[in-house]
N, C-alpha and C. Protein backbone atom coordinates (compact mmCIF):
# COMPACT_ATOMS: atom_id res chain seq x y z
N MET A 1 -112.69 -16.83 -27.12
CA MET A 1 -113.96 -17.90 -27.04
C MET A 1 -113.37 -20.08 -28.36
N LEU A 2 -112.83 -19.34 -28.51
CA LEU A 2 -112.25 -21.22 -28.86
C LEU A 2 -112.37 -22.12 -28.19
N GLY A 3 -112.25 -22.16 -26.91
CA GLY A 3 -111.97 -22.92 -25.28
C GLY A 3 -112.61 -22.87 -24.91
N ALA A 4 -114.72 -22.40 -25.48
CA ALA A 4 -115.14 -22.58 -24.50
C ALA A 4 -116.23 -23.67 -25.47
N MET A 5 -115.05 -23.92 -26.68
CA MET A 5 -116.67 -25.20 -27.70
C MET A 5 -116.59 -26.21 -27.20
N PRO A 6 -117.27 -26.49 -27.75
CA PRO A 6 -117.62 -28.43 -26.83
C PRO A 6 -116.78 -29.24 -27.88
N ILE A 7 -116.77 -30.07 -27.24
CA ILE A 7 -115.65 -30.99 -27.82
C ILE A 7 -117.73 -32.47 -28.67
N PHE A 8 -117.40 -32.61 -29.68
CA PHE A 8 -118.62 -33.84 -29.49
C PHE A 8 -117.67 -34.80 -30.07
N ARG A 9 -118.13 -36.07 -29.00
CA ARG A 9 -118.49 -37.67 -29.68
C ARG A 9 -118.97 -38.00 -30.39
N PRO A 10 -117.84 -38.85 -30.97
CA PRO A 10 -118.24 -39.26 -32.70
C PRO A 10 -120.21 -40.10 -32.85
N PHE A 11 -120.43 -40.09 -33.15
CA PHE A 11 -121.98 -41.51 -33.36
C PHE A 11 -121.44 -42.17 -33.58
N ARG A 12 -121.42 -43.32 -32.96
CA ARG A 12 -121.76 -44.43 -33.03
C ARG A 12 -123.19 -45.81 -33.66
N LYS A 13 -123.90 -45.28 -35.30
CA LYS A 13 -124.79 -45.60 -35.64
C LYS A 13 -124.85 -47.26 -35.66
N GLU A 14 -123.83 -47.82 -35.89
CA GLU A 14 -124.05 -49.82 -36.01
C GLU A 14 -123.93 -50.27 -34.57
N THR A 15 -124.01 -49.55 -33.26
CA THR A 15 -124.39 -49.67 -32.26
C THR A 15 -125.14 -48.93 -31.32
N PHE A 16 -125.36 -48.12 -31.62
CA PHE A 16 -126.71 -47.41 -31.20
C PHE A 16 -127.78 -47.28 -30.54
N TRP A 17 -128.96 -48.50 -31.24
CA TRP A 17 -130.08 -49.35 -30.25
C TRP A 17 -129.11 -49.80 -29.57
N ARG A 18 -128.02 -50.67 -29.48
CA ARG A 18 -127.37 -51.64 -28.07
C ARG A 18 -127.41 -50.52 -27.30
N ASP A 19 -126.18 -49.11 -27.73
CA ASP A 19 -126.10 -48.51 -26.50
C ASP A 19 -126.93 -47.50 -25.56
N LEU A 20 -128.12 -47.72 -26.43
CA LEU A 20 -129.66 -46.81 -25.78
C LEU A 20 -129.73 -47.69 -24.48
N LEU A 21 -130.40 -49.26 -24.89
CA LEU A 21 -130.89 -49.72 -24.12
C LEU A 21 -130.16 -49.89 -22.43
N VAL A 22 -128.71 -49.73 -22.62
CA VAL A 22 -127.63 -49.75 -22.21
C VAL A 22 -128.17 -48.58 -20.75
N ILE A 23 -127.74 -48.00 -22.32
CA ILE A 23 -128.26 -45.78 -21.21
C ILE A 23 -129.30 -45.43 -20.14
N GLN A 24 -130.98 -45.96 -20.95
CA GLN A 24 -131.10 -46.32 -20.13
C GLN A 24 -131.40 -46.83 -19.32
N GLY A 25 -131.61 -48.09 -18.98
CA GLY A 25 -131.44 -48.77 -17.88
C GLY A 25 -130.16 -48.14 -16.78
N GLY A 26 -129.10 -47.25 -17.16
CA GLY A 26 -128.45 -46.68 -16.25
C GLY A 26 -129.72 -45.38 -15.78
N PHE A 27 -129.97 -44.89 -16.93
CA PHE A 27 -130.56 -43.44 -16.45
C PHE A 27 -131.87 -43.90 -15.05
N ALA A 28 -132.64 -45.58 -15.95
CA ALA A 28 -133.27 -45.79 -15.01
C ALA A 28 -133.07 -46.15 -13.12
N LEU A 29 -131.96 -47.03 -13.39
CA LEU A 29 -131.53 -46.99 -12.19
C LEU A 29 -130.84 -46.13 -10.70
N PHE A 30 -130.40 -44.62 -11.77
CA PHE A 30 -130.04 -43.79 -11.12
C PHE A 30 -131.15 -43.30 -11.02
N GLY A 31 -132.52 -42.25 -11.52
CA GLY A 31 -133.66 -42.31 -11.21
C GLY A 31 -133.96 -43.37 -10.41
N LEU A 32 -133.97 -43.60 -10.40
CA LEU A 32 -134.79 -44.72 -9.12
C LEU A 32 -134.08 -44.41 -7.25
N SER A 33 -133.55 -44.45 -7.76
CA SER A 33 -131.92 -44.30 -6.50
C SER A 33 -131.72 -43.11 -6.59
N ILE A 34 -132.38 -41.96 -6.35
CA ILE A 34 -132.92 -40.70 -6.70
C ILE A 34 -133.71 -40.07 -5.60
N ALA A 35 -135.58 -41.37 -5.93
CA ALA A 35 -136.32 -40.96 -5.68
C ALA A 35 -136.47 -42.21 -4.65
N LEU A 36 -135.64 -42.71 -4.08
CA LEU A 36 -135.57 -43.79 -3.33
C LEU A 36 -135.34 -42.68 -1.97
N MET A 37 -133.75 -42.34 -2.16
CA MET A 37 -133.78 -41.65 -1.03
C MET A 37 -134.25 -39.92 -0.58
N ILE A 38 -135.28 -39.44 -1.47
CA ILE A 38 -136.38 -38.49 -1.38
C ILE A 38 -137.09 -38.74 -0.74
N ARG A 39 -137.44 -39.72 -0.77
CA ARG A 39 -139.06 -40.77 -0.04
C ARG A 39 -138.46 -41.30 1.50
N ALA A 40 -137.31 -41.61 1.32
CA ALA A 40 -137.12 -41.98 2.80
C ALA A 40 -136.78 -41.10 4.04
N ASN A 41 -136.67 -39.68 2.89
CA ASN A 41 -136.12 -38.75 4.38
C ASN A 41 -135.82 -38.19 5.75
N LEU A 42 -134.43 -39.15 5.54
CA LEU A 42 -133.28 -38.33 5.78
C LEU A 42 -132.45 -37.28 5.79
N GLY A 43 -133.09 -37.04 4.54
CA GLY A 43 -132.17 -35.93 3.51
C GLY A 43 -131.16 -37.14 2.58
N THR A 44 -131.43 -36.85 2.07
CA THR A 44 -130.96 -36.96 0.66
C THR A 44 -129.92 -36.17 0.03
N SER A 45 -129.56 -36.80 -1.35
CA SER A 45 -128.43 -36.60 -2.26
C SER A 45 -127.86 -35.35 -2.89
N SER A 46 -126.72 -35.20 -2.71
CA SER A 46 -125.73 -33.75 -2.45
C SER A 46 -126.67 -33.32 -3.54
N TRP A 47 -126.93 -33.50 -4.96
CA TRP A 47 -127.73 -32.76 -6.03
C TRP A 47 -128.65 -32.30 -6.08
N SER A 48 -129.79 -33.70 -5.36
CA SER A 48 -131.50 -33.71 -4.75
C SER A 48 -131.55 -32.23 -4.21
N VAL A 49 -130.38 -32.49 -2.58
CA VAL A 49 -130.70 -31.31 -1.44
C VAL A 49 -130.99 -29.78 -2.23
N LEU A 50 -130.12 -29.55 -3.64
CA LEU A 50 -130.01 -27.90 -3.84
C LEU A 50 -131.02 -28.38 -5.26
N GLU A 51 -131.45 -29.33 -6.11
CA GLU A 51 -132.74 -29.28 -6.42
C GLU A 51 -134.37 -29.38 -6.25
N VAL A 52 -134.47 -29.73 -5.03
CA VAL A 52 -135.69 -30.25 -4.13
C VAL A 52 -135.88 -28.27 -4.22
N ALA A 53 -134.33 -28.24 -3.07
CA ALA A 53 -134.89 -26.29 -2.35
C ALA A 53 -135.65 -25.76 -3.77
N LEU A 54 -134.76 -26.34 -4.91
CA LEU A 54 -135.29 -24.95 -6.19
C LEU A 54 -136.36 -25.86 -6.86
N ALA A 55 -136.68 -26.86 -6.57
CA ALA A 55 -138.04 -27.01 -6.76
C ALA A 55 -139.12 -26.58 -6.35
N ASN A 56 -139.17 -26.35 -4.98
CA ASN A 56 -139.65 -26.01 -3.86
C ASN A 56 -140.23 -24.60 -4.01
N ARG A 57 -139.10 -23.92 -3.99
CA ARG A 57 -138.69 -22.18 -5.00
C ARG A 57 -139.88 -21.37 -5.49
N LEU A 58 -139.37 -22.70 -6.66
CA LEU A 58 -139.84 -22.27 -8.06
C LEU A 58 -141.60 -22.95 -8.77
N SER A 59 -141.52 -23.22 -7.45
CA SER A 59 -143.83 -24.44 -7.77
C SER A 59 -143.00 -26.21 -9.01
N VAL A 60 -141.78 -26.41 -9.02
CA VAL A 60 -141.78 -27.12 -9.97
C VAL A 60 -141.98 -28.63 -9.84
N THR A 61 -141.77 -30.04 -10.55
CA THR A 61 -141.16 -30.84 -9.50
C THR A 61 -139.74 -31.37 -9.73
N PRO A 62 -138.58 -31.75 -8.65
CA PRO A 62 -137.52 -32.16 -8.73
C PRO A 62 -137.09 -32.38 -9.95
N GLY A 63 -137.71 -33.41 -10.63
CA GLY A 63 -137.90 -33.61 -12.22
C GLY A 63 -137.29 -32.58 -13.13
N THR A 64 -138.07 -32.17 -13.03
CA THR A 64 -138.00 -30.79 -14.31
C THR A 64 -136.49 -29.76 -13.30
N MET A 65 -137.27 -29.45 -12.12
CA MET A 65 -135.29 -29.17 -11.77
C MET A 65 -134.22 -29.38 -11.80
N ALA A 66 -133.93 -31.27 -12.08
CA ALA A 66 -133.17 -31.91 -12.30
C ALA A 66 -132.55 -31.78 -13.95
N ILE A 67 -133.58 -31.44 -15.43
CA ILE A 67 -133.45 -31.00 -16.33
C ILE A 67 -133.07 -29.40 -16.18
N ALA A 68 -133.63 -28.73 -15.91
CA ALA A 68 -132.89 -27.45 -15.76
C ALA A 68 -131.73 -27.58 -14.98
N MET A 69 -131.65 -27.63 -14.04
CA MET A 69 -130.63 -28.27 -13.79
C MET A 69 -128.89 -28.33 -14.35
N GLY A 70 -129.86 -30.12 -14.92
CA GLY A 70 -128.39 -30.10 -15.90
C GLY A 70 -128.40 -29.66 -17.05
N PHE A 71 -128.87 -28.53 -17.52
CA PHE A 71 -127.96 -27.81 -18.43
C PHE A 71 -127.55 -26.74 -18.08
N PHE A 72 -127.50 -26.00 -17.16
CA PHE A 72 -126.97 -25.37 -16.84
C PHE A 72 -125.08 -25.74 -16.48
N VAL A 73 -125.14 -26.52 -15.82
CA VAL A 73 -124.18 -27.49 -14.75
C VAL A 73 -123.39 -27.94 -16.53
N LEU A 74 -124.28 -28.64 -17.82
CA LEU A 74 -123.05 -29.09 -18.80
C LEU A 74 -122.25 -27.77 -19.56
N GLY A 75 -123.77 -26.11 -19.26
CA GLY A 75 -122.37 -25.35 -19.86
C GLY A 75 -121.38 -25.07 -18.95
N ILE A 76 -121.21 -25.10 -17.60
CA ILE A 76 -119.39 -25.51 -17.01
C ILE A 76 -119.46 -26.24 -17.70
N SER A 77 -119.65 -27.89 -17.96
CA SER A 77 -118.57 -29.08 -18.53
C SER A 77 -118.13 -28.33 -20.14
N ILE A 78 -119.01 -27.70 -20.29
CA ILE A 78 -118.53 -27.31 -22.09
C ILE A 78 -116.64 -26.44 -22.22
N ALA A 79 -117.47 -25.75 -20.91
CA ALA A 79 -116.41 -24.84 -21.12
C ALA A 79 -115.15 -25.21 -20.50
N LEU A 80 -115.17 -26.26 -19.58
CA LEU A 80 -114.43 -27.39 -18.81
C LEU A 80 -113.03 -27.82 -19.82
N ARG A 81 -114.42 -27.46 -21.60
CA ARG A 81 -114.09 -28.59 -22.81
C ARG A 81 -113.70 -30.05 -22.17
N GLU A 82 -114.76 -30.95 -21.80
CA GLU A 82 -115.23 -31.65 -21.95
C GLU A 82 -116.19 -32.58 -22.78
N GLU A 83 -115.67 -33.20 -23.04
CA GLU A 83 -116.10 -34.35 -24.16
C GLU A 83 -118.43 -34.32 -23.79
N ILE A 84 -118.52 -34.60 -24.97
CA ILE A 84 -119.84 -34.26 -24.99
C ILE A 84 -121.17 -35.19 -26.12
N GLY A 85 -121.86 -36.16 -25.75
CA GLY A 85 -122.15 -36.50 -27.16
C GLY A 85 -123.74 -36.66 -27.04
N TRP A 86 -124.43 -37.88 -27.34
CA TRP A 86 -125.96 -38.35 -27.34
C TRP A 86 -126.56 -37.90 -26.20
N GLY A 87 -125.16 -39.13 -24.70
CA GLY A 87 -125.19 -39.80 -23.97
C GLY A 87 -125.64 -38.24 -22.76
N THR A 88 -125.80 -37.41 -23.28
CA THR A 88 -125.52 -36.74 -22.65
C THR A 88 -126.38 -35.03 -22.73
N LEU A 89 -127.08 -35.25 -23.35
CA LEU A 89 -128.26 -34.42 -23.63
C LEU A 89 -129.28 -35.41 -23.13
N ALA A 90 -129.48 -37.02 -23.46
CA ALA A 90 -130.01 -37.78 -23.12
C ALA A 90 -130.25 -38.10 -21.42
N ASN A 91 -129.33 -38.16 -20.84
CA ASN A 91 -129.17 -37.67 -19.76
C ASN A 91 -130.19 -36.61 -18.20
N ILE A 92 -129.63 -35.79 -19.20
CA ILE A 92 -130.06 -34.68 -19.03
C ILE A 92 -131.65 -34.51 -18.47
N VAL A 93 -132.63 -34.75 -20.18
CA VAL A 93 -134.06 -35.33 -20.39
C VAL A 93 -134.61 -36.52 -19.42
N CYS A 94 -133.31 -37.45 -19.57
CA CYS A 94 -134.39 -38.92 -19.41
C CYS A 94 -134.34 -39.61 -18.01
N ILE A 95 -132.52 -38.54 -17.08
CA ILE A 95 -133.55 -39.37 -15.48
C ILE A 95 -134.03 -38.03 -14.17
N GLY A 96 -134.54 -37.13 -15.03
CA GLY A 96 -135.82 -36.33 -15.03
C GLY A 96 -136.17 -36.65 -14.94
N LEU A 97 -137.26 -37.47 -15.90
CA LEU A 97 -138.90 -37.49 -16.00
C LEU A 97 -138.69 -38.81 -14.77
N TRP A 98 -137.45 -39.89 -15.31
CA TRP A 98 -137.43 -40.89 -14.08
C TRP A 98 -137.63 -41.07 -12.86
N ILE A 99 -136.97 -39.61 -12.24
CA ILE A 99 -137.21 -39.85 -11.04
C ILE A 99 -138.59 -38.75 -10.78
N ASP A 100 -140.11 -38.65 -11.71
CA ASP A 100 -140.63 -37.76 -11.08
C ASP A 100 -141.69 -39.16 -11.51
N ALA A 101 -140.95 -39.91 -12.14
CA ALA A 101 -141.98 -40.85 -12.65
C ALA A 101 -141.42 -42.03 -11.31
N PHE A 102 -140.81 -41.75 -10.74
CA PHE A 102 -140.79 -43.07 -9.84
C PHE A 102 -140.49 -42.16 -8.43
N LEU A 103 -141.19 -40.63 -8.31
CA LEU A 103 -142.11 -39.87 -7.30
C LEU A 103 -143.30 -40.52 -6.85
N TYR A 104 -143.67 -40.89 -7.82
CA TYR A 104 -145.21 -40.53 -8.64
C TYR A 104 -145.44 -41.90 -7.57
N VAL A 105 -144.31 -43.23 -7.81
CA VAL A 105 -145.17 -44.76 -6.92
C VAL A 105 -144.50 -44.85 -5.58
N ILE A 106 -143.40 -44.21 -5.47
CA ILE A 106 -142.42 -44.39 -4.36
C ILE A 106 -143.63 -43.88 -3.18
N PRO A 107 -144.11 -44.25 -1.98
CA PRO A 107 -144.14 -43.50 -1.03
C PRO A 107 -144.03 -42.81 -0.17
N SER A 108 -143.57 -41.89 0.32
CA SER A 108 -143.31 -41.00 1.28
C SER A 108 -143.31 -41.93 2.52
N ILE A 109 -141.95 -42.08 3.49
CA ILE A 109 -141.75 -43.01 4.35
C ILE A 109 -141.48 -42.52 5.63
N ASP A 110 -141.82 -42.47 6.93
CA ASP A 110 -141.77 -40.96 7.59
C ASP A 110 -141.84 -42.13 8.77
N ASP A 111 -142.38 -43.28 9.50
CA ASP A 111 -142.33 -43.38 10.68
C ASP A 111 -142.08 -45.34 10.88
N ASN A 112 -140.62 -45.37 9.99
CA ASN A 112 -140.61 -46.64 10.31
C ASN A 112 -138.54 -46.64 9.57
N LEU A 113 -138.16 -46.68 10.95
CA LEU A 113 -136.02 -46.13 10.23
C LEU A 113 -135.49 -47.86 9.52
N ILE A 114 -135.89 -48.69 9.42
CA ILE A 114 -134.72 -49.99 9.11
C ILE A 114 -135.31 -49.53 7.50
N LEU A 115 -136.52 -49.43 7.07
CA LEU A 115 -137.30 -49.20 6.26
C LEU A 115 -136.44 -48.18 4.87
N GLN A 116 -135.90 -46.70 5.96
CA GLN A 116 -135.87 -45.76 5.74
C GLN A 116 -134.60 -45.36 5.68
N ILE A 117 -133.05 -46.40 6.16
CA ILE A 117 -131.43 -46.53 6.72
C ILE A 117 -132.05 -47.22 4.71
N ALA A 118 -132.28 -48.18 5.12
CA ALA A 118 -132.34 -48.89 3.78
C ALA A 118 -132.58 -48.45 1.72
N MET A 119 -133.21 -47.67 2.36
CA MET A 119 -134.09 -46.74 0.79
C MET A 119 -133.14 -45.97 1.47
N LEU A 120 -131.67 -44.80 1.55
CA LEU A 120 -130.96 -43.98 2.14
C LEU A 120 -130.07 -45.50 1.45
N VAL A 121 -129.34 -46.04 1.81
CA VAL A 121 -128.17 -47.05 1.82
C VAL A 121 -127.74 -47.92 0.58
N VAL A 122 -128.97 -48.71 0.75
CA VAL A 122 -129.11 -49.09 -1.02
C VAL A 122 -128.81 -48.54 -1.65
N PRO A 123 -129.34 -47.25 -2.86
CA PRO A 123 -129.40 -45.77 -4.17
C PRO A 123 -127.81 -46.11 -3.94
N ILE A 124 -126.64 -45.59 -2.82
CA ILE A 124 -126.25 -45.51 -3.23
C ILE A 124 -125.20 -46.17 -4.78
N PRO A 125 -124.36 -47.46 -3.64
CA PRO A 125 -124.19 -48.66 -5.28
C PRO A 125 -125.00 -48.75 -5.99
N LEU A 126 -126.16 -47.89 -6.17
CA LEU A 126 -127.12 -48.64 -6.91
C LEU A 126 -126.60 -47.25 -7.96
N GLN A 127 -125.83 -45.77 -7.32
CA GLN A 127 -125.99 -44.74 -8.02
C GLN A 127 -125.00 -44.63 -8.62
N GLY A 128 -123.63 -45.31 -8.40
CA GLY A 128 -122.57 -45.83 -8.36
C GLY A 128 -122.56 -46.78 -9.60
N LEU A 129 -123.76 -47.93 -9.50
CA LEU A 129 -123.38 -48.55 -10.20
C LEU A 129 -124.30 -48.16 -12.25
N ALA A 130 -125.40 -47.17 -11.79
CA ALA A 130 -125.67 -46.37 -13.26
C ALA A 130 -124.67 -45.94 -13.53
N SER A 131 -124.41 -44.80 -12.55
CA SER A 131 -123.48 -43.55 -13.51
C SER A 131 -121.89 -45.42 -14.12
N GLY A 132 -121.61 -46.40 -13.54
CA GLY A 132 -120.77 -46.79 -14.75
C GLY A 132 -121.44 -47.77 -16.57
N LEU A 133 -122.88 -47.30 -15.61
CA LEU A 133 -123.92 -47.85 -17.22
C LEU A 133 -123.37 -47.08 -18.04
N TYR A 134 -123.68 -46.25 -17.68
CA TYR A 134 -123.83 -45.04 -18.97
C TYR A 134 -122.95 -44.06 -19.43
N ILE A 135 -121.97 -44.57 -18.23
CA ILE A 135 -120.76 -43.35 -19.06
C ILE A 135 -119.75 -45.00 -19.15
N GLY A 136 -119.91 -45.59 -19.60
CA GLY A 136 -119.75 -47.52 -20.10
C GLY A 136 -119.69 -47.16 -21.16
N VAL A 137 -121.18 -46.71 -21.87
CA VAL A 137 -121.75 -46.63 -23.35
C VAL A 137 -120.82 -46.00 -23.94
N ASP A 138 -120.05 -44.53 -23.30
CA ASP A 138 -118.99 -43.67 -24.29
C ASP A 138 -120.26 -43.34 -25.25
N ALA A 139 -120.60 -42.58 -24.61
CA ALA A 139 -122.00 -41.56 -25.18
C ALA A 139 -121.97 -40.41 -25.18
N GLY A 140 -120.81 -40.09 -23.95
CA GLY A 140 -121.42 -39.05 -23.21
C GLY A 140 -121.32 -39.06 -21.20
N ALA A 141 -121.08 -38.36 -20.68
CA ALA A 141 -121.20 -38.87 -19.96
C ALA A 141 -122.42 -37.18 -19.38
N GLY A 142 -123.27 -37.67 -18.18
CA GLY A 142 -124.69 -36.74 -17.47
C GLY A 142 -123.96 -35.19 -17.42
N PRO A 143 -123.70 -34.50 -17.15
CA PRO A 143 -122.97 -33.33 -17.11
C PRO A 143 -122.84 -32.55 -15.46
N ARG A 144 -123.16 -33.60 -14.90
CA ARG A 144 -122.85 -33.45 -13.15
C ARG A 144 -121.93 -35.06 -12.98
N ASP A 145 -121.54 -35.34 -13.93
CA ASP A 145 -120.55 -37.56 -13.84
C ASP A 145 -119.59 -35.76 -15.24
N SER A 146 -119.85 -34.79 -15.81
CA SER A 146 -118.98 -34.32 -17.17
C SER A 146 -118.47 -33.32 -16.17
N LEU A 147 -118.54 -33.20 -15.37
CA LEU A 147 -117.98 -32.09 -14.51
C LEU A 147 -117.03 -32.46 -13.49
N MET A 148 -117.91 -33.75 -13.34
CA MET A 148 -116.55 -34.29 -12.28
C MET A 148 -115.70 -34.84 -13.13
N LEU A 149 -115.68 -35.58 -14.45
CA LEU A 149 -114.64 -36.26 -14.55
C LEU A 149 -113.34 -35.05 -15.59
N ALA A 150 -114.22 -33.81 -15.39
CA ALA A 150 -113.39 -32.40 -16.16
C ALA A 150 -112.45 -31.91 -15.03
N ILE A 151 -113.12 -32.31 -13.38
CA ILE A 151 -111.97 -32.11 -12.92
C ILE A 151 -110.97 -32.65 -12.38
N HIS A 152 -111.13 -34.33 -12.46
CA HIS A 152 -110.23 -35.14 -12.77
C HIS A 152 -109.50 -34.50 -13.44
N ARG A 153 -109.58 -34.39 -14.76
CA ARG A 153 -108.91 -34.37 -15.66
C ARG A 153 -107.85 -33.22 -15.67
N THR A 154 -108.98 -32.31 -15.02
CA THR A 154 -107.43 -30.87 -15.17
C THR A 154 -106.86 -30.78 -14.20
N THR A 155 -107.00 -31.58 -12.51
CA THR A 155 -106.72 -31.05 -11.72
C THR A 155 -105.46 -32.50 -11.51
N GLY A 156 -105.64 -33.41 -12.07
CA GLY A 156 -105.29 -34.87 -11.55
C GLY A 156 -105.51 -34.88 -10.18
N LEU A 157 -106.67 -34.80 -9.66
CA LEU A 157 -107.22 -35.49 -8.78
C LEU A 157 -108.38 -36.74 -8.86
N SER A 158 -108.25 -38.08 -7.87
CA SER A 158 -109.06 -39.03 -7.80
C SER A 158 -110.48 -38.60 -8.17
N ILE A 159 -110.88 -39.35 -9.22
CA ILE A 159 -112.78 -39.94 -9.31
C ILE A 159 -113.07 -39.78 -7.41
N ARG A 160 -112.66 -39.90 -6.94
CA ARG A 160 -113.00 -40.22 -5.82
C ARG A 160 -113.27 -38.77 -5.12
N VAL A 161 -111.82 -37.73 -5.13
CA VAL A 161 -111.82 -36.55 -4.78
C VAL A 161 -112.09 -35.90 -4.98
N ALA A 162 -112.79 -35.74 -7.12
CA ALA A 162 -113.22 -34.53 -7.74
C ALA A 162 -114.76 -35.20 -7.37
N ARG A 163 -115.69 -36.37 -7.61
CA ARG A 163 -116.57 -36.22 -6.81
C ARG A 163 -117.11 -35.68 -5.97
N ILE A 164 -116.59 -36.26 -4.23
CA ILE A 164 -116.08 -36.05 -3.37
C ILE A 164 -117.16 -34.12 -3.37
N SER A 165 -115.54 -33.69 -4.07
CA SER A 165 -115.99 -31.56 -3.20
C SER A 165 -116.76 -31.56 -4.58
N VAL A 166 -117.26 -31.83 -5.47
CA VAL A 166 -118.56 -31.20 -5.93
C VAL A 166 -119.37 -31.70 -5.21
N GLU A 167 -119.46 -33.09 -4.72
CA GLU A 167 -120.78 -33.44 -4.40
C GLU A 167 -120.64 -31.98 -2.84
N VAL A 168 -120.01 -32.08 -1.75
CA VAL A 168 -120.24 -31.50 -0.63
C VAL A 168 -120.55 -29.19 -0.70
N THR A 169 -119.97 -28.73 -2.39
CA THR A 169 -119.81 -27.64 -2.60
C THR A 169 -121.67 -27.76 -2.80
N VAL A 170 -121.62 -28.35 -3.51
CA VAL A 170 -122.96 -28.23 -4.33
C VAL A 170 -124.25 -29.07 -2.82
N VAL A 171 -124.18 -29.48 -2.06
CA VAL A 171 -125.29 -29.76 -1.00
C VAL A 171 -125.14 -28.36 0.46
N LEU A 172 -124.51 -27.88 0.24
CA LEU A 172 -123.62 -26.38 1.16
C LEU A 172 -124.66 -25.71 0.43
N ILE A 173 -124.55 -25.45 -0.94
CA ILE A 173 -125.69 -24.41 -1.51
C ILE A 173 -126.87 -24.50 -1.32
N GLY A 174 -127.37 -25.99 -1.41
CA GLY A 174 -129.05 -26.98 -1.02
C GLY A 174 -129.32 -26.13 0.20
N TRP A 175 -128.53 -26.47 1.00
CA TRP A 175 -128.73 -25.92 2.68
C TRP A 175 -128.89 -24.81 2.60
N LEU A 176 -128.46 -23.64 2.22
CA LEU A 176 -128.53 -22.50 2.42
C LEU A 176 -129.55 -21.73 1.72
N LEU A 177 -130.42 -22.71 0.21
CA LEU A 177 -131.39 -22.23 0.36
C LEU A 177 -133.05 -23.32 0.52
N GLY A 178 -132.10 -24.41 1.57
CA GLY A 178 -133.19 -24.87 2.87
C GLY A 178 -133.67 -26.12 1.43
N GLY A 179 -132.88 -26.37 1.73
CA GLY A 179 -133.04 -27.90 0.76
C GLY A 179 -132.43 -29.53 1.97
N PRO A 180 -133.40 -30.71 1.95
CA PRO A 180 -134.22 -31.26 2.17
C PRO A 180 -132.26 -32.23 2.94
N VAL A 181 -131.95 -31.04 4.52
CA VAL A 181 -130.46 -31.57 4.29
C VAL A 181 -130.52 -32.58 5.95
N GLY A 182 -129.60 -34.21 5.65
CA GLY A 182 -129.98 -35.03 7.22
C GLY A 182 -129.65 -36.07 6.83
N PHE A 183 -129.45 -36.53 7.68
CA PHE A 183 -127.70 -38.13 8.34
C PHE A 183 -128.12 -38.26 6.76
N GLY A 184 -128.64 -38.47 6.49
CA GLY A 184 -127.99 -38.89 5.06
C GLY A 184 -127.31 -38.12 3.91
N THR A 185 -127.52 -37.01 3.78
CA THR A 185 -126.45 -36.23 2.98
C THR A 185 -125.25 -36.14 3.45
N LEU A 186 -124.64 -37.00 3.68
CA LEU A 186 -123.24 -37.01 4.92
C LEU A 186 -123.17 -37.91 4.74
N VAL A 187 -124.31 -39.43 4.20
CA VAL A 187 -123.26 -40.86 3.82
C VAL A 187 -123.02 -40.25 2.37
N PHE A 188 -124.61 -39.74 2.32
CA PHE A 188 -124.81 -40.14 0.52
C PHE A 188 -123.49 -39.30 0.31
N ALA A 189 -122.45 -37.86 1.09
CA ALA A 189 -121.38 -37.03 -0.19
C ALA A 189 -120.17 -38.03 -0.26
N LEU A 190 -120.07 -38.56 1.27
CA LEU A 190 -118.58 -39.47 1.90
C LEU A 190 -118.71 -40.93 0.84
N LEU A 191 -119.89 -41.05 0.67
CA LEU A 191 -119.83 -42.61 -0.24
C LEU A 191 -120.11 -42.07 -1.26
N ILE A 192 -120.38 -42.05 -2.20
CA ILE A 192 -120.89 -41.66 -3.50
C ILE A 192 -119.53 -41.45 -4.63
N GLY A 193 -118.35 -40.59 -3.59
CA GLY A 193 -117.23 -41.40 -4.85
C GLY A 193 -116.38 -42.46 -5.20
N PRO A 194 -116.65 -43.56 -3.72
CA PRO A 194 -116.46 -44.73 -3.74
C PRO A 194 -116.85 -45.74 -4.29
N ALA A 195 -118.57 -45.23 -4.73
CA ALA A 195 -119.13 -45.96 -5.55
C ALA A 195 -119.00 -45.37 -6.96
N VAL A 196 -118.80 -44.73 -7.60
CA VAL A 196 -118.63 -44.48 -8.28
C VAL A 196 -117.86 -44.96 -8.63
N GLN A 197 -116.37 -44.93 -8.49
CA GLN A 197 -115.05 -45.38 -8.31
C GLN A 197 -115.44 -47.06 -8.70
N TRP A 198 -116.20 -47.61 -7.87
CA TRP A 198 -116.39 -48.92 -7.64
C TRP A 198 -117.14 -48.78 -8.83
N GLY A 199 -118.05 -48.45 -9.36
CA GLY A 199 -119.12 -48.81 -10.35
C GLY A 199 -118.50 -49.47 -12.14
N PHE A 200 -117.62 -47.59 -12.15
CA PHE A 200 -116.33 -48.13 -12.79
C PHE A 200 -115.35 -49.20 -12.86
N ARG A 201 -115.13 -49.57 -12.44
CA ARG A 201 -114.60 -50.68 -12.45
C ARG A 201 -115.44 -52.29 -13.33
N VAL A 202 -116.76 -52.07 -11.75
CA VAL A 202 -117.59 -53.10 -12.37
C VAL A 202 -117.76 -52.97 -14.46
N CYS A 203 -117.93 -51.97 -14.50
CA CYS A 203 -118.28 -52.12 -16.19
C CYS A 203 -117.65 -51.36 -17.17
N LYS A 204 -116.10 -51.46 -16.35
CA LYS A 204 -114.36 -51.28 -16.96
C LYS A 204 -114.80 -50.48 -18.20
N VAL A 205 -115.20 -49.15 -16.84
CA VAL A 205 -114.91 -47.61 -17.94
C VAL A 205 -113.59 -47.68 -18.37
N LYS A 206 -113.52 -47.25 -20.06
CA LYS A 206 -111.98 -47.38 -19.89
C LYS A 206 -111.48 -45.64 -19.40
N GLY A 207 -109.92 -45.91 -18.76
CA GLY A 207 -109.44 -44.30 -18.56
C GLY A 207 -109.90 -44.34 -16.89
N HIS A 208 -111.10 -44.48 -16.42
CA HIS A 208 -110.63 -44.21 -15.42
C HIS A 208 -110.89 -45.19 -14.33
């Protein structure tokens, strides 16, 4: 039982408001990237394939399902002894809310391939940068990133390989449940690992 106890990051009161501003910027970019890919209709990101599939089955919004999935993945990360913090919990709630907010204002595109491709490709580095922003605050990574970091830490795999491994597994489950798999899903699964690693370098995330 002791091995499953979470490790909490210390709360830094002196930098909280600055950290909150930066982390919310990262959450907004992340939510925007997911909403753009969903509306592009070329196949969405790996986690969104699963979350949209479950959302359709349970008649809830994708953002609501992302929040529920976040808490589930958080449990796995805690079991692997990955550190969590206030930013981890904020990630779970806020990104789901941003997803639904952007889905409300971004129309679904079906008949403009150039625009659809742009809505697929641009979110990949955008999501990598968003990950670097909110992980760089060091208030605790989001649940999905915590899982990626836990695999990186416990297996010695690079961030790139750890992220790709998680993404491929998730998209297979989502596909079996009827999620929106397409060409864009493969592109995202292959490129998100390098994009996150680039985002970590740009944001100078320590230890990665």
